[in-house]
Amino acid sequence: MTILDFLRSRLMGEPPLHPMDRRLAKRWVKERLKRLYPDLRLDPKALEQAYQDLGVEPLEGRGRGGATVFEINLPGDRR
């Protein structure tokens, strides 16, 4: 990485989140749900519903250095 690339990345921030990264994040969360709740392994509809109930939202520019972070909102969690 050259100095010019470094300065450009600091001034411009992180690039927008690629759709592949969104899919990887969704898959990661679903795998964790399967480990926590083994009954979801054989029921794809219930797994998708559990994922939707979590309310995973990408927040661009909120992470360290302007990176994207994913926030999980639990059902009934008010902010």
Protein backbone atom coordinates (compact mmCIF):
# COMPACT_ATOMS: atom_id res chain seq x y z
CA MET A 1 0.00 0.00 0.00
CA THR A 2 1.44 3.34 -1.00
CA ILE A 3 1.13 6.52 0.99
CA LEU A 4 -1.32 7.88 -1.57
CA ASP A 5 -3.54 4.78 -1.21
CA PHE A 6 -3.39 5.07 2.56
CA LEU A 7 -4.42 8.73 2.53
CA ARG A 8 -7.17 8.06 0.01
CA SER A 9 -8.61 5.27 2.16
CA ARG A 10 -8.55 7.48 5.27
CA LEU A 11 -10.21 10.42 3.53
CA MET A 12 -12.76 8.43 1.53
CA GLY A 13 -13.63 5.93 4.25
CA GLU A 14 -14.42 2.27 3.72
CA PRO A 15 -15.88 1.17 0.40
CA PRO A 16 -19.59 0.29 0.45
CA LEU A 17 -20.47 -3.17 1.71
CA HIS A 18 -20.38 -5.77 -1.04
CA PRO A 19 -23.45 -8.02 -1.36
CA MET A 20 -21.21 -11.07 -0.87
CA ASP A 21 -20.19 -9.74 2.54
CA ARG A 22 -23.84 -9.39 3.50
CA ARG A 23 -24.47 -13.01 2.52
CA LEU A 24 -21.44 -14.21 4.47
CA ALA A 25 -22.61 -12.32 7.55
CA LYS A 26 -26.10 -13.80 7.21
CA ARG A 27 -24.67 -17.30 6.84
CA TRP A 28 -22.43 -16.81 9.89
CA VAL A 29 -25.37 -15.71 12.05
CA LYS A 30 -27.50 -18.63 10.84
CA GLU A 31 -24.73 -21.12 11.64
CA ARG A 32 -24.53 -19.72 15.17
CA LEU A 33 -28.30 -19.99 15.54
CA LYS A 34 -28.11 -23.65 14.49
CA ARG A 35 -25.48 -24.32 17.15
CA LEU A 36 -27.47 -22.57 19.86
CA TYR A 37 -30.80 -24.10 18.85
CA PRO A 38 -30.28 -27.57 17.30
CA ASP A 39 -34.00 -27.87 16.49
CA LEU A 40 -33.54 -25.15 13.82
CA ARG A 41 -31.13 -27.35 11.83
CA LEU A 42 -33.91 -29.32 10.16
CA ASP A 43 -36.40 -26.48 9.76
CA PRO A 44 -35.21 -23.85 7.22
CA LYS A 45 -38.38 -21.75 7.57
CA ALA A 46 -37.99 -21.51 11.35
CA LEU A 47 -34.29 -20.70 10.92
CA GLU A 48 -35.09 -17.85 8.53
CA GLN A 49 -37.78 -16.56 10.90
CA ALA A 50 -35.33 -16.65 13.82
CA TYR A 51 -32.82 -14.70 11.72
CA GLN A 52 -35.46 -12.13 10.75
CA ASP A 53 -36.53 -11.77 14.38
CA LEU A 54 -32.97 -10.83 15.35
CA GLY A 55 -33.08 -7.79 13.11
CA VAL A 56 -29.47 -7.82 11.86
CA GLU A 57 -28.65 -4.41 10.38
CA PRO A 58 -25.42 -3.30 8.69
CA LEU A 59 -24.28 0.09 9.97
CA GLU A 60 -21.82 1.54 7.52
CA GLY A 61 -19.15 3.83 8.89
CA ARG A 62 -19.77 2.92 12.55
CA GLY A 63 -16.80 0.59 13.03
CA ARG A 64 -13.17 1.31 13.66
CA GLY A 65 -11.72 3.34 10.82
CA GLY A 66 -15.13 3.83 9.21
CA ALA A 67 -15.72 0.11 8.70
CA THR A 68 -19.15 -1.49 8.51
CA VAL A 69 -20.42 -3.27 11.60
CA PHE A 70 -23.51 -5.42 12.01
CA GLU A 71 -25.87 -4.69 14.87
CA ILE A 72 -28.26 -7.31 16.19
CA ASN A 73 -31.50 -6.07 17.68
CA LEU A 74 -33.12 -8.67 19.90
CA PRO A 75 -36.91 -8.95 19.83
CA GLY A 76 -38.40 -6.63 22.42
CA ASP A 77 -35.17 -4.62 22.71
CA ARG A 78 -36.07 -0.92 22.64
CA ARG A 79 -33.56 1.81 21.80
